[in-house]
Amino acid sequence: YTAEASVKDPAGNEAAAKDDGSVDTAAAITVDAPALTNDNTPTITGTTTDVEEGQVVTVVVTDSQGNTQTVTTTVKADGSYSVD
């Protein structure tokens, strides 16, 4: 977007300025899965930025044979999430 401002003083002198900006429309997310575990249902955690509390996070877990399991959770007030 572009923002422009102008002014004119009582003597008729004019000045103007213009600046460009942008709106960050992309949310950010991280995921942290345990590197090595014997647990069949390890806790997977992560954080989000610019995501409202209660929004749904979908986590897809793929095993060594290519089988997938999809689980969902919601974002907490602090931006974190976790699934087991």
N, C-alpha and C. Protein backbone atom coordinates (compact mmCIF):
# COMPACT_ATOMS: atom_id res chain seq x y z
N TYR A 1 0.83 -1.17 0.00
CA TYR A 1 0.00 0.00 0.00
C TYR A 1 0.88 1.23 0.00
N THR A 2 0.29 2.36 -0.33
CA THR A 2 1.00 3.63 -0.33
C THR A 2 0.24 4.61 0.54
N ALA A 3 0.96 5.32 1.39
CA ALA A 3 0.37 6.37 2.22
C ALA A 3 0.94 7.70 1.77
N GLU A 4 0.06 8.66 1.57
CA GLU A 4 0.48 9.99 1.13
C GLU A 4 -0.09 11.03 2.09
N ALA A 5 0.71 12.05 2.35
CA ALA A 5 0.26 13.16 3.20
C ALA A 5 0.69 14.46 2.54
N SER A 6 -0.16 15.48 2.67
CA SER A 6 0.19 16.79 2.13
C SER A 6 -0.32 17.87 3.08
N VAL A 7 0.31 19.03 2.99
CA VAL A 7 -0.05 20.14 3.86
C VAL A 7 0.16 21.45 3.09
N LYS A 8 -0.62 22.45 3.46
CA LYS A 8 -0.47 23.78 2.88
C LYS A 8 -0.55 24.78 4.03
N ASP A 9 0.49 25.62 4.17
CA ASP A 9 0.49 26.58 5.26
C ASP A 9 -0.26 27.86 4.85
N PRO A 10 -0.48 28.78 5.80
CA PRO A 10 -1.23 30.00 5.49
C PRO A 10 -0.60 30.85 4.39
N ALA A 11 0.70 30.73 4.19
CA ALA A 11 1.38 31.49 3.14
C ALA A 11 1.25 30.84 1.78
N GLY A 12 0.62 29.67 1.72
CA GLY A 12 0.43 28.99 0.44
C GLY A 12 1.53 28.01 0.10
N ASN A 13 2.49 27.81 0.99
CA ASN A 13 3.56 26.85 0.75
C ASN A 13 3.01 25.43 0.93
N GLU A 14 3.33 24.58 -0.02
CA GLU A 14 2.84 23.21 0.03
C GLU A 14 3.99 22.23 0.24
N ALA A 15 3.67 21.14 0.90
CA ALA A 15 4.64 20.05 1.08
C ALA A 15 3.87 18.74 0.99
N ALA A 16 4.57 17.72 0.51
CA ALA A 16 3.94 16.40 0.40
C ALA A 16 4.98 15.33 0.68
N ALA A 17 4.50 14.20 1.15
CA ALA A 17 5.37 13.05 1.40
C ALA A 17 4.60 11.79 1.05
N LYS A 18 5.35 10.76 0.67
CA LYS A 18 4.75 9.49 0.30
C LYS A 18 5.64 8.37 0.82
N ASP A 19 5.01 7.29 1.29
CA ASP A 19 5.77 6.14 1.77
C ASP A 19 5.01 4.87 1.42
N ASP A 20 5.75 3.83 1.08
CA ASP A 20 5.15 2.53 0.76
C ASP A 20 5.29 1.60 1.96
N GLY A 21 4.30 0.76 2.14
CA GLY A 21 4.33 -0.22 3.21
C GLY A 21 3.71 -1.51 2.72
N SER A 22 3.68 -2.49 3.58
CA SER A 22 3.03 -3.75 3.23
C SER A 22 2.40 -4.35 4.48
N VAL A 23 1.41 -5.18 4.25
CA VAL A 23 0.71 -5.85 5.34
C VAL A 23 1.16 -7.30 5.35
N ASP A 24 1.61 -7.74 6.51
CA ASP A 24 2.02 -9.14 6.66
C ASP A 24 0.77 -10.00 6.75
N THR A 25 0.50 -10.77 5.70
CA THR A 25 -0.71 -11.60 5.67
C THR A 25 -0.40 -13.08 5.87
N ALA A 26 0.85 -13.41 6.11
CA ALA A 26 1.23 -14.82 6.25
C ALA A 26 1.42 -15.17 7.72
N ALA A 27 0.76 -16.20 8.14
CA ALA A 27 0.98 -16.71 9.49
C ALA A 27 2.23 -17.58 9.49
N ALA A 28 2.84 -17.71 10.65
CA ALA A 28 4.04 -18.55 10.76
C ALA A 28 3.75 -19.70 11.72
N ILE A 29 4.37 -20.85 11.46
CA ILE A 29 4.17 -22.01 12.32
C ILE A 29 5.47 -22.81 12.40
N THR A 30 5.73 -23.39 13.58
CA THR A 30 6.86 -24.31 13.75
C THR A 30 6.31 -25.63 14.26
N VAL A 31 7.08 -26.69 14.07
CA VAL A 31 6.70 -28.00 14.60
C VAL A 31 7.95 -28.65 15.18
N ASP A 32 7.78 -29.32 16.32
CA ASP A 32 8.90 -29.99 16.98
C ASP A 32 8.46 -31.39 17.37
N ALA A 33 9.00 -32.38 16.66
CA ALA A 33 8.72 -33.79 16.95
C ALA A 33 9.95 -34.41 17.61
N PRO A 34 9.75 -35.30 18.58
CA PRO A 34 10.89 -35.95 19.22
C PRO A 34 11.76 -36.67 18.18
N ALA A 35 13.07 -36.51 18.30
CA ALA A 35 13.98 -37.10 17.32
C ALA A 35 14.03 -38.62 17.42
N LEU A 36 14.00 -39.16 18.62
CA LEU A 36 14.09 -40.61 18.82
C LEU A 36 13.22 -40.98 20.01
N THR A 37 12.27 -41.88 19.77
CA THR A 37 11.38 -42.28 20.85
C THR A 37 10.84 -43.67 20.61
N ASN A 38 10.53 -44.38 21.69
CA ASN A 38 9.86 -45.67 21.60
C ASN A 38 8.36 -45.51 21.85
N ASP A 39 7.93 -44.30 22.07
CA ASP A 39 6.53 -43.99 22.34
C ASP A 39 5.74 -44.03 21.03
N ASN A 40 4.66 -44.83 20.99
CA ASN A 40 3.83 -44.91 19.79
C ASN A 40 2.98 -43.67 19.57
N THR A 41 2.83 -42.86 20.61
CA THR A 41 2.07 -41.61 20.49
C THR A 41 2.88 -40.47 21.12
N PRO A 42 3.98 -40.10 20.49
CA PRO A 42 4.81 -39.03 21.06
C PRO A 42 4.08 -37.70 21.01
N THR A 43 4.44 -36.83 21.92
CA THR A 43 3.87 -35.49 21.93
C THR A 43 4.62 -34.63 20.91
N ILE A 44 3.87 -34.05 20.01
CA ILE A 44 4.41 -33.16 18.99
C ILE A 44 3.91 -31.76 19.34
N THR A 45 4.84 -30.82 19.42
CA THR A 45 4.49 -29.46 19.83
C THR A 45 4.90 -28.47 18.76
N GLY A 46 4.45 -27.26 18.93
CA GLY A 46 4.85 -26.21 18.00
C GLY A 46 4.34 -24.87 18.46
N THR A 47 4.70 -23.85 17.71
CA THR A 47 4.26 -22.50 17.99
C THR A 47 3.75 -21.85 16.72
N THR A 48 2.89 -20.87 16.91
CA THR A 48 2.38 -20.10 15.79
C THR A 48 2.59 -18.62 16.06
N THR A 49 2.62 -17.85 15.01
CA THR A 49 2.71 -16.40 15.11
C THR A 49 1.61 -15.82 14.23
N ASP A 50 0.94 -14.82 14.72
CA ASP A 50 -0.16 -14.17 14.00
C ASP A 50 -1.31 -15.12 13.72
N VAL A 51 -1.54 -16.07 14.63
CA VAL A 51 -2.67 -16.99 14.53
C VAL A 51 -3.49 -16.84 15.81
N GLU A 52 -4.79 -16.65 15.65
CA GLU A 52 -5.66 -16.44 16.81
C GLU A 52 -5.85 -17.71 17.62
N GLU A 53 -6.06 -17.53 18.91
CA GLU A 53 -6.38 -18.64 19.80
C GLU A 53 -7.62 -19.37 19.28
N GLY A 54 -7.58 -20.70 19.33
CA GLY A 54 -8.72 -21.50 18.91
C GLY A 54 -8.68 -21.94 17.46
N GLN A 55 -7.76 -21.39 16.67
CA GLN A 55 -7.67 -21.81 15.27
C GLN A 55 -7.15 -23.24 15.21
N VAL A 56 -7.58 -23.97 14.19
CA VAL A 56 -7.24 -25.39 14.07
C VAL A 56 -5.87 -25.57 13.42
N VAL A 57 -5.06 -26.44 14.02
CA VAL A 57 -3.77 -26.86 13.45
C VAL A 57 -3.92 -28.32 13.06
N THR A 58 -3.53 -28.65 11.84
CA THR A 58 -3.56 -30.03 11.36
C THR A 58 -2.14 -30.54 11.28
N VAL A 59 -1.88 -31.67 11.92
CA VAL A 59 -0.55 -32.29 11.91
C VAL A 59 -0.68 -33.63 11.21
N VAL A 60 0.15 -33.85 10.20
CA VAL A 60 0.16 -35.13 9.49
C VAL A 60 1.47 -35.84 9.83
N VAL A 61 1.35 -37.03 10.41
CA VAL A 61 2.51 -37.83 10.80
C VAL A 61 2.65 -38.96 9.80
N THR A 62 3.85 -39.11 9.23
CA THR A 62 4.12 -40.16 8.26
C THR A 62 5.17 -41.10 8.83
N ASP A 63 4.86 -42.41 8.87
CA ASP A 63 5.82 -43.37 9.41
C ASP A 63 6.78 -43.84 8.32
N SER A 64 7.70 -44.72 8.70
CA SER A 64 8.75 -45.16 7.77
C SER A 64 8.22 -45.96 6.59
N GLN A 65 6.99 -46.50 6.70
CA GLN A 65 6.39 -47.23 5.58
C GLN A 65 5.52 -46.32 4.71
N GLY A 66 5.46 -45.05 5.04
CA GLY A 66 4.66 -44.11 4.26
C GLY A 66 3.22 -43.99 4.71
N ASN A 67 2.85 -44.68 5.79
CA ASN A 67 1.50 -44.57 6.33
C ASN A 67 1.35 -43.23 7.04
N THR A 68 0.20 -42.60 6.87
CA THR A 68 -0.01 -41.30 7.50
C THR A 68 -1.14 -41.35 8.51
N GLN A 69 -1.02 -40.49 9.49
CA GLN A 69 -2.07 -40.27 10.46
C GLN A 69 -2.24 -38.77 10.59
N THR A 70 -3.46 -38.30 10.48
CA THR A 70 -3.75 -36.88 10.58
C THR A 70 -4.45 -36.61 11.91
N VAL A 71 -3.91 -35.67 12.66
CA VAL A 71 -4.51 -35.27 13.93
C VAL A 71 -4.67 -33.75 13.93
N THR A 72 -5.65 -33.28 14.66
CA THR A 72 -5.87 -31.84 14.75
C THR A 72 -5.88 -31.40 16.20
N THR A 73 -5.57 -30.15 16.40
CA THR A 73 -5.61 -29.52 17.71
C THR A 73 -5.91 -28.05 17.49
N THR A 74 -5.94 -27.29 18.56
CA THR A 74 -6.19 -25.86 18.42
C THR A 74 -5.06 -25.05 19.04
N VAL A 75 -4.92 -23.85 18.55
CA VAL A 75 -3.90 -22.93 19.04
C VAL A 75 -4.32 -22.39 20.41
N LYS A 76 -3.38 -22.41 21.35
CA LYS A 76 -3.63 -21.87 22.69
C LYS A 76 -3.41 -20.35 22.70
N ALA A 77 -3.77 -19.72 23.79
CA ALA A 77 -3.66 -18.26 23.91
C ALA A 77 -2.24 -17.76 23.68
N ASP A 78 -1.23 -18.56 24.07
CA ASP A 78 0.16 -18.14 23.90
C ASP A 78 0.73 -18.47 22.52
N GLY A 79 -0.10 -19.00 21.62
CA GLY A 79 0.34 -19.33 20.26
C GLY A 79 0.87 -20.73 20.11
N SER A 80 0.93 -21.50 21.19
CA SER A 80 1.47 -22.86 21.11
C SER A 80 0.36 -23.86 20.79
N TYR A 81 0.78 -25.07 20.42
CA TYR A 81 -0.15 -26.18 20.22
C TYR A 81 0.58 -27.47 20.52
N SER A 82 -0.16 -28.55 20.75
CA SER A 82 0.46 -29.86 20.95
C SER A 82 -0.54 -30.95 20.62
N VAL A 83 -0.01 -32.09 20.17
CA VAL A 83 -0.82 -33.28 19.91
C VAL A 83 -0.05 -34.49 20.42
N ASP A 84 -0.80 -35.53 20.79
CA ASP A 84 -0.18 -36.79 21.24
C ASP A 84 -0.47 -37.87 20.21
